[in-house]
């Protein structure tokens, strides 16, 4: 298993983003991805960091490519894997 760290900026309020993210947990789990941690920078709540456990970085990338609608709904403005 790999731990994948993702940092990105959102245009929505963190709580609004987190609600959408939390609603997608079953989808993540069904695709072999587990959320380990979720948070934001203290001085910049629009900069979010998550840690995921998955078979590989490629598995996370494939999941993200297949879930563009959900990703667009959470209003990412910058994403770094």
N, C-alpha and C. Protein backbone atom coordinates (compact mmCIF):
# COMPACT_ATOMS: atom_id res chain seq x y z
N UNK A 1 0.84 -1.19 0.00
CA UNK A 1 0.00 0.00 0.00
C UNK A 1 0.88 1.25 0.00
N UNK A 2 0.37 2.28 -0.62
CA UNK A 2 1.08 3.55 -0.67
C UNK A 2 0.27 4.61 0.06
N UNK A 3 0.97 5.55 0.68
CA UNK A 3 0.32 6.71 1.25
C UNK A 3 0.52 7.85 0.28
N UNK A 4 -0.58 8.45 -0.16
CA UNK A 4 -0.54 9.52 -1.15
C UNK A 4 -0.99 10.81 -0.47
N UNK A 5 -0.14 11.82 -0.56
CA UNK A 5 -0.44 13.13 0.02
C UNK A 5 -0.85 14.07 -1.11
N UNK A 6 -1.96 14.75 -0.92
CA UNK A 6 -2.47 15.66 -1.95
C UNK A 6 -2.67 17.03 -1.30
N UNK A 7 -2.19 18.06 -1.97
CA UNK A 7 -2.36 19.44 -1.52
C UNK A 7 -3.06 20.20 -2.64
N UNK A 8 -4.06 20.98 -2.29
CA UNK A 8 -4.79 21.74 -3.30
C UNK A 8 -5.48 22.93 -2.65
N UNK A 9 -5.87 23.85 -3.49
CA UNK A 9 -6.64 25.00 -3.03
C UNK A 9 -8.08 24.86 -3.51
N UNK A 10 -8.98 25.33 -2.69
CA UNK A 10 -10.40 25.26 -3.02
C UNK A 10 -10.97 26.68 -3.06
N UNK A 11 -12.02 26.85 -3.83
CA UNK A 11 -12.68 28.16 -3.90
C UNK A 11 -13.91 28.20 -2.99
N UNK A 12 -14.32 27.02 -2.48
CA UNK A 12 -15.45 26.96 -1.55
C UNK A 12 -14.93 27.09 -0.12
N UNK A 13 -15.83 27.32 0.80
CA UNK A 13 -15.53 27.27 2.22
C UNK A 13 -15.11 25.84 2.57
N UNK A 14 -14.15 25.68 3.50
CA UNK A 14 -13.65 24.35 3.85
C UNK A 14 -14.79 23.43 4.30
N UNK A 15 -15.68 23.92 5.14
CA UNK A 15 -16.78 23.06 5.64
C UNK A 15 -17.67 22.59 4.49
N UNK A 16 -17.94 23.46 3.51
CA UNK A 16 -18.73 23.05 2.34
C UNK A 16 -17.99 21.99 1.54
N UNK A 17 -16.67 22.20 1.33
CA UNK A 17 -15.86 21.24 0.61
C UNK A 17 -15.85 19.90 1.35
N UNK A 18 -15.65 19.95 2.66
CA UNK A 18 -15.53 18.73 3.47
C UNK A 18 -16.81 17.91 3.42
N UNK A 19 -17.95 18.56 3.39
CA UNK A 19 -19.22 17.85 3.30
C UNK A 19 -19.29 17.04 2.01
N UNK A 20 -18.90 17.63 0.90
CA UNK A 20 -18.89 16.92 -0.39
C UNK A 20 -17.88 15.79 -0.35
N UNK A 21 -16.69 16.06 0.19
CA UNK A 21 -15.65 15.04 0.30
C UNK A 21 -16.13 13.87 1.16
N UNK A 22 -16.73 14.16 2.29
CA UNK A 22 -17.23 13.12 3.18
C UNK A 22 -18.32 12.28 2.51
N UNK A 23 -19.17 12.93 1.73
CA UNK A 23 -20.24 12.21 1.04
C UNK A 23 -19.70 11.22 0.01
N UNK A 24 -18.44 11.39 -0.41
CA UNK A 24 -17.85 10.53 -1.44
C UNK A 24 -17.01 9.39 -0.86
N UNK A 25 -17.00 9.23 0.45
CA UNK A 25 -16.15 8.22 1.08
C UNK A 25 -16.47 6.80 0.65
N UNK A 26 -17.74 6.47 0.48
CA UNK A 26 -18.10 5.13 0.02
C UNK A 26 -17.50 4.85 -1.36
N UNK A 27 -17.56 5.84 -2.23
CA UNK A 27 -16.98 5.72 -3.56
C UNK A 27 -15.47 5.50 -3.49
N UNK A 28 -14.80 6.27 -2.64
CA UNK A 28 -13.36 6.09 -2.45
C UNK A 28 -13.06 4.67 -1.95
N UNK A 29 -13.78 4.24 -0.92
CA UNK A 29 -13.54 2.92 -0.33
C UNK A 29 -13.80 1.80 -1.33
N UNK A 30 -14.85 1.93 -2.13
CA UNK A 30 -15.16 0.91 -3.14
C UNK A 30 -14.05 0.79 -4.17
N UNK A 31 -13.26 1.86 -4.33
CA UNK A 31 -12.15 1.86 -5.28
C UNK A 31 -10.81 1.61 -4.60
N UNK A 32 -10.85 1.09 -3.37
CA UNK A 32 -9.63 0.71 -2.67
C UNK A 32 -8.84 1.87 -2.11
N UNK A 33 -9.48 3.00 -1.88
CA UNK A 33 -8.81 4.19 -1.36
C UNK A 33 -9.40 4.52 0.00
N UNK A 34 -8.52 4.69 0.98
CA UNK A 34 -8.94 5.03 2.34
C UNK A 34 -8.40 6.41 2.71
N UNK A 35 -9.25 7.23 3.28
CA UNK A 35 -8.82 8.54 3.76
C UNK A 35 -8.15 8.37 5.11
N UNK A 36 -6.92 8.85 5.22
CA UNK A 36 -6.18 8.77 6.48
C UNK A 36 -6.27 10.07 7.27
N UNK A 37 -6.24 11.20 6.59
CA UNK A 37 -6.28 12.50 7.26
C UNK A 37 -6.76 13.57 6.30
N UNK A 38 -7.43 14.57 6.86
CA UNK A 38 -7.92 15.72 6.09
C UNK A 38 -7.72 16.96 6.95
N UNK A 39 -7.21 18.02 6.34
CA UNK A 39 -7.03 19.26 7.09
C UNK A 39 -6.72 20.41 6.16
N UNK A 40 -6.47 21.55 6.76
CA UNK A 40 -6.13 22.75 5.99
C UNK A 40 -5.06 23.53 6.72
N UNK A 41 -4.40 24.41 6.00
CA UNK A 41 -3.37 25.24 6.62
C UNK A 41 -4.04 26.24 7.56
N UNK A 42 -3.47 26.42 8.73
CA UNK A 42 -4.06 27.31 9.73
C UNK A 42 -4.17 28.75 9.24
N UNK A 43 -3.19 29.20 8.48
CA UNK A 43 -3.22 30.58 8.00
C UNK A 43 -3.88 30.72 6.63
N UNK A 44 -4.32 29.59 6.06
CA UNK A 44 -4.97 29.64 4.75
C UNK A 44 -5.95 28.47 4.63
N UNK A 45 -7.19 28.62 5.14
CA UNK A 45 -8.14 27.50 5.13
C UNK A 45 -8.59 27.06 3.74
N UNK A 46 -8.21 27.80 2.70
CA UNK A 46 -8.55 27.34 1.35
C UNK A 46 -7.47 26.39 0.80
N UNK A 47 -6.36 26.22 1.52
CA UNK A 47 -5.32 25.28 1.11
C UNK A 47 -5.49 24.00 1.92
N UNK A 48 -5.97 22.97 1.25
CA UNK A 48 -6.36 21.71 1.88
C UNK A 48 -5.28 20.66 1.62
N UNK A 49 -5.10 19.80 2.62
CA UNK A 49 -4.17 18.68 2.50
C UNK A 49 -4.90 17.42 2.94
N UNK A 50 -4.74 16.37 2.13
CA UNK A 50 -5.32 15.08 2.50
C UNK A 50 -4.26 14.00 2.35
N UNK A 51 -4.40 12.95 3.14
CA UNK A 51 -3.55 11.77 3.03
C UNK A 51 -4.46 10.58 2.75
N UNK A 52 -4.12 9.82 1.73
CA UNK A 52 -4.91 8.67 1.32
C UNK A 52 -4.04 7.43 1.32
N UNK A 53 -4.63 6.29 1.58
CA UNK A 53 -3.96 5.01 1.45
C UNK A 53 -4.57 4.30 0.24
N UNK A 54 -3.71 3.82 -0.66
CA UNK A 54 -4.18 3.15 -1.87
C UNK A 54 -3.09 2.18 -2.34
N UNK A 55 -3.43 1.35 -3.31
CA UNK A 55 -2.44 0.42 -3.86
C UNK A 55 -1.24 1.17 -4.45
N UNK A 56 -1.50 2.33 -5.07
CA UNK A 56 -0.42 3.09 -5.71
C UNK A 56 -0.89 4.50 -6.01
N UNK A 57 0.05 5.36 -6.34
CA UNK A 57 -0.27 6.71 -6.80
C UNK A 57 -1.13 6.64 -8.06
N UNK A 58 -0.81 5.70 -8.94
CA UNK A 58 -1.57 5.55 -10.18
C UNK A 58 -3.03 5.20 -9.91
N UNK A 59 -3.29 4.41 -8.88
CA UNK A 59 -4.68 4.06 -8.53
C UNK A 59 -5.46 5.31 -8.14
N UNK A 60 -4.82 6.21 -7.39
CA UNK A 60 -5.47 7.47 -7.00
C UNK A 60 -5.69 8.35 -8.23
N UNK A 61 -4.69 8.43 -9.09
CA UNK A 61 -4.82 9.24 -10.31
C UNK A 61 -5.94 8.72 -11.19
N UNK A 62 -6.03 7.40 -11.35
CA UNK A 62 -7.11 6.81 -12.15
C UNK A 62 -8.47 7.12 -11.54
N UNK A 63 -8.56 7.02 -10.22
CA UNK A 63 -9.82 7.34 -9.54
C UNK A 63 -10.22 8.79 -9.81
N UNK A 64 -9.26 9.69 -9.69
CA UNK A 64 -9.55 11.11 -9.89
C UNK A 64 -9.98 11.39 -11.33
N UNK A 65 -9.34 10.76 -12.29
CA UNK A 65 -9.71 10.95 -13.69
C UNK A 65 -11.13 10.44 -13.96
N UNK A 66 -11.52 9.38 -13.27
CA UNK A 66 -12.85 8.82 -13.46
C UNK A 66 -13.94 9.52 -12.68
N UNK A 67 -13.58 10.48 -11.85
CA UNK A 67 -14.55 11.17 -11.01
C UNK A 67 -14.48 12.69 -11.16
N UNK A 68 -14.33 13.13 -12.40
CA UNK A 68 -14.20 14.56 -12.68
C UNK A 68 -15.38 15.38 -12.19
N UNK A 69 -16.60 14.83 -12.28
CA UNK A 69 -17.77 15.60 -11.87
C UNK A 69 -17.71 15.95 -10.38
N UNK A 70 -17.36 14.98 -9.55
CA UNK A 70 -17.25 15.23 -8.12
C UNK A 70 -16.11 16.20 -7.83
N UNK A 71 -15.00 16.01 -8.50
CA UNK A 71 -13.85 16.89 -8.29
C UNK A 71 -14.20 18.31 -8.69
N UNK A 72 -14.87 18.50 -9.81
CA UNK A 72 -15.27 19.84 -10.22
C UNK A 72 -16.27 20.45 -9.24
N UNK A 73 -17.11 19.62 -8.63
CA UNK A 73 -18.11 20.12 -7.68
C UNK A 73 -17.48 20.72 -6.43
N UNK A 74 -16.27 20.28 -6.08
CA UNK A 74 -15.62 20.80 -4.89
C UNK A 74 -14.71 21.98 -5.18
N UNK A 75 -14.68 22.41 -6.43
CA UNK A 75 -14.02 23.65 -6.84
C UNK A 75 -12.54 23.73 -6.50
N UNK A 76 -11.78 22.75 -6.97
CA UNK A 76 -10.34 22.82 -6.83
C UNK A 76 -9.79 23.95 -7.69
N UNK A 77 -8.86 24.71 -7.16
CA UNK A 77 -8.23 25.73 -7.96
C UNK A 77 -6.78 25.38 -8.28
N UNK A 78 -6.18 24.47 -7.50
CA UNK A 78 -4.80 24.03 -7.74
C UNK A 78 -4.62 22.70 -7.03
N UNK A 79 -4.06 21.72 -7.73
CA UNK A 79 -3.95 20.37 -7.18
C UNK A 79 -2.53 19.87 -7.37
N UNK A 80 -1.94 19.33 -6.30
CA UNK A 80 -0.60 18.75 -6.36
C UNK A 80 -0.64 17.37 -5.73
N UNK A 81 -0.19 16.37 -6.48
CA UNK A 81 -0.08 15.01 -5.93
C UNK A 81 1.35 14.78 -5.52
